[in-house]
């Protein structure tokens, strides 16, 4: 179960926010019905790239053997 402050992986592109599937963000708010989350995505130097509302099906928990991959944000 995803909780507030968990890191999550985006499963779908969110073009309006410049986000792509595979981007990693942090849950900053969990709606009471647990069907949606506010997720913050940061650049590697710590700047906020986007804060978006995502449905539960758009994110998944980070796996224990996954590594972070860098890409240039285009938006």
N, C-alpha and C. Protein backbone atom coordinates (compact mmCIF):
# COMPACT_ATOMS: atom_id res chain seq x y z
N UNK A 1 0.84 -1.18 0.00
CA UNK A 1 0.00 0.00 0.00
C UNK A 1 0.89 1.25 0.00
N UNK A 2 0.58 2.19 -0.85
CA UNK A 2 1.34 3.43 -0.96
C UNK A 2 0.92 4.37 0.16
N UNK A 3 1.92 4.98 0.82
CA UNK A 3 1.68 5.90 1.92
C UNK A 3 2.31 7.26 1.60
N UNK A 4 1.92 8.27 2.37
CA UNK A 4 2.52 9.59 2.24
C UNK A 4 4.03 9.48 2.46
N UNK A 5 4.80 10.18 1.66
CA UNK A 5 6.27 10.23 1.67
C UNK A 5 6.92 9.04 0.99
N UNK A 6 6.13 8.09 0.48
CA UNK A 6 6.70 6.99 -0.30
C UNK A 6 7.15 7.50 -1.66
N UNK A 7 8.20 6.89 -2.16
CA UNK A 7 8.62 7.16 -3.54
C UNK A 7 7.83 6.23 -4.44
N UNK A 8 7.38 6.76 -5.57
CA UNK A 8 6.58 5.99 -6.51
C UNK A 8 7.12 6.19 -7.93
N UNK A 9 6.78 5.24 -8.79
CA UNK A 9 7.19 5.28 -10.19
C UNK A 9 5.96 5.56 -11.03
N UNK A 10 6.09 6.52 -11.93
CA UNK A 10 5.00 6.87 -12.83
C UNK A 10 4.84 5.78 -13.88
N UNK A 11 3.60 5.30 -14.08
CA UNK A 11 3.34 4.22 -15.04
C UNK A 11 2.88 4.75 -16.40
N UNK A 12 2.46 6.01 -16.45
CA UNK A 12 1.97 6.61 -17.69
C UNK A 12 2.62 7.97 -17.90
N UNK A 13 2.76 8.38 -19.14
CA UNK A 13 3.25 9.72 -19.43
C UNK A 13 2.22 10.75 -18.97
N UNK A 14 2.71 11.92 -18.52
CA UNK A 14 1.86 13.06 -18.20
C UNK A 14 2.45 14.24 -18.98
N UNK A 15 2.15 14.33 -20.28
CA UNK A 15 2.78 15.33 -21.14
C UNK A 15 2.60 16.78 -20.67
N UNK A 16 1.44 17.10 -20.12
CA UNK A 16 1.20 18.48 -19.68
C UNK A 16 2.17 18.92 -18.59
N UNK A 17 2.72 17.97 -17.83
CA UNK A 17 3.67 18.28 -16.76
C UNK A 17 5.10 17.96 -17.16
N UNK A 18 5.30 17.48 -18.40
CA UNK A 18 6.65 17.12 -18.84
C UNK A 18 7.16 15.84 -18.21
N UNK A 19 6.26 14.97 -17.80
CA UNK A 19 6.65 13.73 -17.12
C UNK A 19 6.47 12.53 -18.04
N UNK A 20 7.34 11.53 -17.84
CA UNK A 20 7.29 10.32 -18.64
C UNK A 20 7.20 9.10 -17.73
N UNK A 21 6.59 8.04 -18.26
CA UNK A 21 6.53 6.79 -17.52
C UNK A 21 7.95 6.42 -17.09
N UNK A 22 8.08 5.99 -15.84
CA UNK A 22 9.39 5.65 -15.28
C UNK A 22 9.97 6.74 -14.39
N UNK A 23 9.45 7.97 -14.50
CA UNK A 23 9.91 9.03 -13.61
C UNK A 23 9.54 8.68 -12.17
N UNK A 24 10.39 9.08 -11.24
CA UNK A 24 10.20 8.76 -9.82
C UNK A 24 9.81 10.03 -9.06
N UNK A 25 8.77 9.92 -8.26
CA UNK A 25 8.31 11.06 -7.47
C UNK A 25 8.04 10.63 -6.04
N UNK A 26 7.67 11.61 -5.22
CA UNK A 26 7.36 11.37 -3.81
C UNK A 26 5.92 11.77 -3.53
N UNK A 27 5.18 10.89 -2.87
CA UNK A 27 3.80 11.18 -2.51
C UNK A 27 3.82 12.25 -1.41
N UNK A 28 3.18 13.40 -1.69
CA UNK A 28 3.15 14.48 -0.71
C UNK A 28 1.76 14.65 -0.10
N UNK A 29 0.78 13.99 -0.70
CA UNK A 29 -0.58 14.00 -0.12
C UNK A 29 -1.31 12.76 -0.59
N UNK A 30 -2.02 12.14 0.31
CA UNK A 30 -2.80 10.95 0.04
C UNK A 30 -4.26 11.30 0.27
N UNK A 31 -5.09 11.21 -0.76
CA UNK A 31 -6.50 11.50 -0.58
C UNK A 31 -7.15 10.41 0.26
N UNK A 32 -8.15 10.77 1.03
CA UNK A 32 -8.73 9.84 2.00
C UNK A 32 -9.29 8.57 1.37
N UNK A 33 -9.73 8.64 0.12
CA UNK A 33 -10.26 7.44 -0.52
C UNK A 33 -9.15 6.55 -1.10
N UNK A 34 -7.89 7.03 -1.04
CA UNK A 34 -6.72 6.30 -1.53
C UNK A 34 -6.80 5.97 -3.03
N UNK A 35 -7.63 6.70 -3.74
CA UNK A 35 -7.74 6.50 -5.18
C UNK A 35 -6.90 7.50 -5.96
N UNK A 36 -6.33 8.49 -5.25
CA UNK A 36 -5.51 9.50 -5.90
C UNK A 36 -4.46 10.02 -4.92
N UNK A 37 -3.38 10.56 -5.51
CA UNK A 37 -2.26 11.08 -4.73
C UNK A 37 -1.78 12.39 -5.34
N UNK A 38 -1.23 13.25 -4.52
CA UNK A 38 -0.44 14.39 -5.01
C UNK A 38 0.99 13.89 -4.97
N UNK A 39 1.68 13.98 -6.10
CA UNK A 39 3.04 13.48 -6.19
C UNK A 39 3.95 14.60 -6.68
N UNK A 40 5.07 14.78 -5.98
CA UNK A 40 6.06 15.79 -6.36
C UNK A 40 7.21 15.10 -7.08
N UNK A 41 7.59 15.67 -8.21
CA UNK A 41 8.72 15.18 -8.99
C UNK A 41 9.81 16.25 -8.94
N UNK A 42 11.03 15.82 -8.63
CA UNK A 42 12.15 16.75 -8.47
C UNK A 42 13.20 16.51 -9.54
N UNK A 43 13.94 17.58 -9.87
CA UNK A 43 15.13 17.40 -10.68
C UNK A 43 16.21 16.84 -9.75
N UNK A 44 17.28 16.33 -10.32
CA UNK A 44 18.33 15.73 -9.48
C UNK A 44 19.06 16.76 -8.62
N UNK A 45 18.94 18.06 -8.95
CA UNK A 45 19.55 19.07 -8.09
C UNK A 45 18.57 19.62 -7.05
N UNK A 46 17.39 18.95 -6.90
CA UNK A 46 16.47 19.28 -5.82
C UNK A 46 15.39 20.29 -6.14
N UNK A 47 15.27 20.72 -7.38
CA UNK A 47 14.22 21.68 -7.75
C UNK A 47 12.93 20.92 -8.10
N UNK A 48 11.81 21.50 -7.74
CA UNK A 48 10.53 20.89 -8.08
C UNK A 48 10.30 21.00 -9.58
N UNK A 49 10.10 19.84 -10.22
CA UNK A 49 9.80 19.82 -11.65
C UNK A 49 8.28 19.87 -11.86
N UNK A 50 7.54 19.21 -10.99
CA UNK A 50 6.08 19.19 -11.10
C UNK A 50 5.48 18.61 -9.83
N UNK A 51 4.28 19.08 -9.53
CA UNK A 51 3.45 18.47 -8.49
C UNK A 51 2.12 18.20 -9.18
N UNK A 52 1.74 16.94 -9.25
CA UNK A 52 0.55 16.56 -9.99
C UNK A 52 -0.34 15.63 -9.18
N UNK A 53 -1.63 15.69 -9.48
CA UNK A 53 -2.59 14.75 -8.90
C UNK A 53 -2.65 13.55 -9.83
N UNK A 54 -2.42 12.38 -9.27
CA UNK A 54 -2.40 11.15 -10.06
C UNK A 54 -3.34 10.14 -9.46
N UNK A 55 -4.02 9.39 -10.32
CA UNK A 55 -4.87 8.31 -9.86
C UNK A 55 -3.99 7.12 -9.46
N UNK A 56 -4.50 6.28 -8.60
CA UNK A 56 -3.72 5.16 -8.09
C UNK A 56 -3.16 4.29 -9.21
N UNK A 57 -3.88 4.13 -10.29
CA UNK A 57 -3.43 3.30 -11.40
C UNK A 57 -2.30 3.91 -12.22
N UNK A 58 -1.98 5.16 -11.97
CA UNK A 58 -0.91 5.83 -12.72
C UNK A 58 0.46 5.70 -12.07
N UNK A 59 0.50 5.18 -10.84
CA UNK A 59 1.77 5.03 -10.13
C UNK A 59 1.87 3.64 -9.53
N UNK A 60 3.10 3.26 -9.20
CA UNK A 60 3.35 2.00 -8.50
C UNK A 60 4.48 2.24 -7.51
N UNK A 61 4.58 1.40 -6.50
CA UNK A 61 5.69 1.55 -5.54
C UNK A 61 7.03 1.29 -6.23
N UNK A 62 8.07 1.85 -5.68
CA UNK A 62 9.43 1.60 -6.16
C UNK A 62 9.83 0.18 -5.76
N UNK A 63 10.41 -0.55 -6.69
CA UNK A 63 10.86 -1.91 -6.41
C UNK A 63 12.21 -1.91 -5.69
N UNK A 64 12.49 -2.94 -4.90
CA UNK A 64 13.71 -2.99 -4.09
C UNK A 64 15.00 -3.09 -4.90
N UNK A 65 14.95 -3.50 -6.16
CA UNK A 65 16.16 -3.66 -6.96
C UNK A 65 16.26 -2.63 -8.09
N UNK A 66 15.41 -1.61 -8.06
CA UNK A 66 15.42 -0.60 -9.12
C UNK A 66 16.46 0.49 -8.84
N UNK A 67 16.95 1.08 -9.92
CA UNK A 67 17.88 2.20 -9.81
C UNK A 67 17.28 3.42 -10.51
N UNK A 68 17.73 4.60 -10.12
CA UNK A 68 17.26 5.84 -10.74
C UNK A 68 18.01 6.08 -12.04
N UNK A 69 17.29 6.60 -13.02
CA UNK A 69 17.87 6.91 -14.33
C UNK A 69 17.63 8.39 -14.61
N UNK A 70 18.63 9.08 -15.12
CA UNK A 70 18.49 10.52 -15.39
C UNK A 70 18.08 10.77 -16.84
N UNK A 71 17.26 11.81 -17.04
CA UNK A 71 16.89 12.28 -18.36
C UNK A 71 16.64 13.77 -18.29
N UNK A 72 16.76 14.45 -19.39
CA UNK A 72 16.50 15.89 -19.47
C UNK A 72 15.01 16.12 -19.54
N UNK A 73 14.49 17.01 -18.71
CA UNK A 73 13.05 17.32 -18.72
C UNK A 73 12.77 18.28 -19.87
N UNK A 74 11.74 17.97 -20.63
CA UNK A 74 11.34 18.82 -21.75
C UNK A 74 9.91 19.27 -21.48
N UNK A 75 9.76 20.55 -21.13
CA UNK A 75 8.41 21.11 -20.92
C UNK A 75 8.50 22.58 -20.69
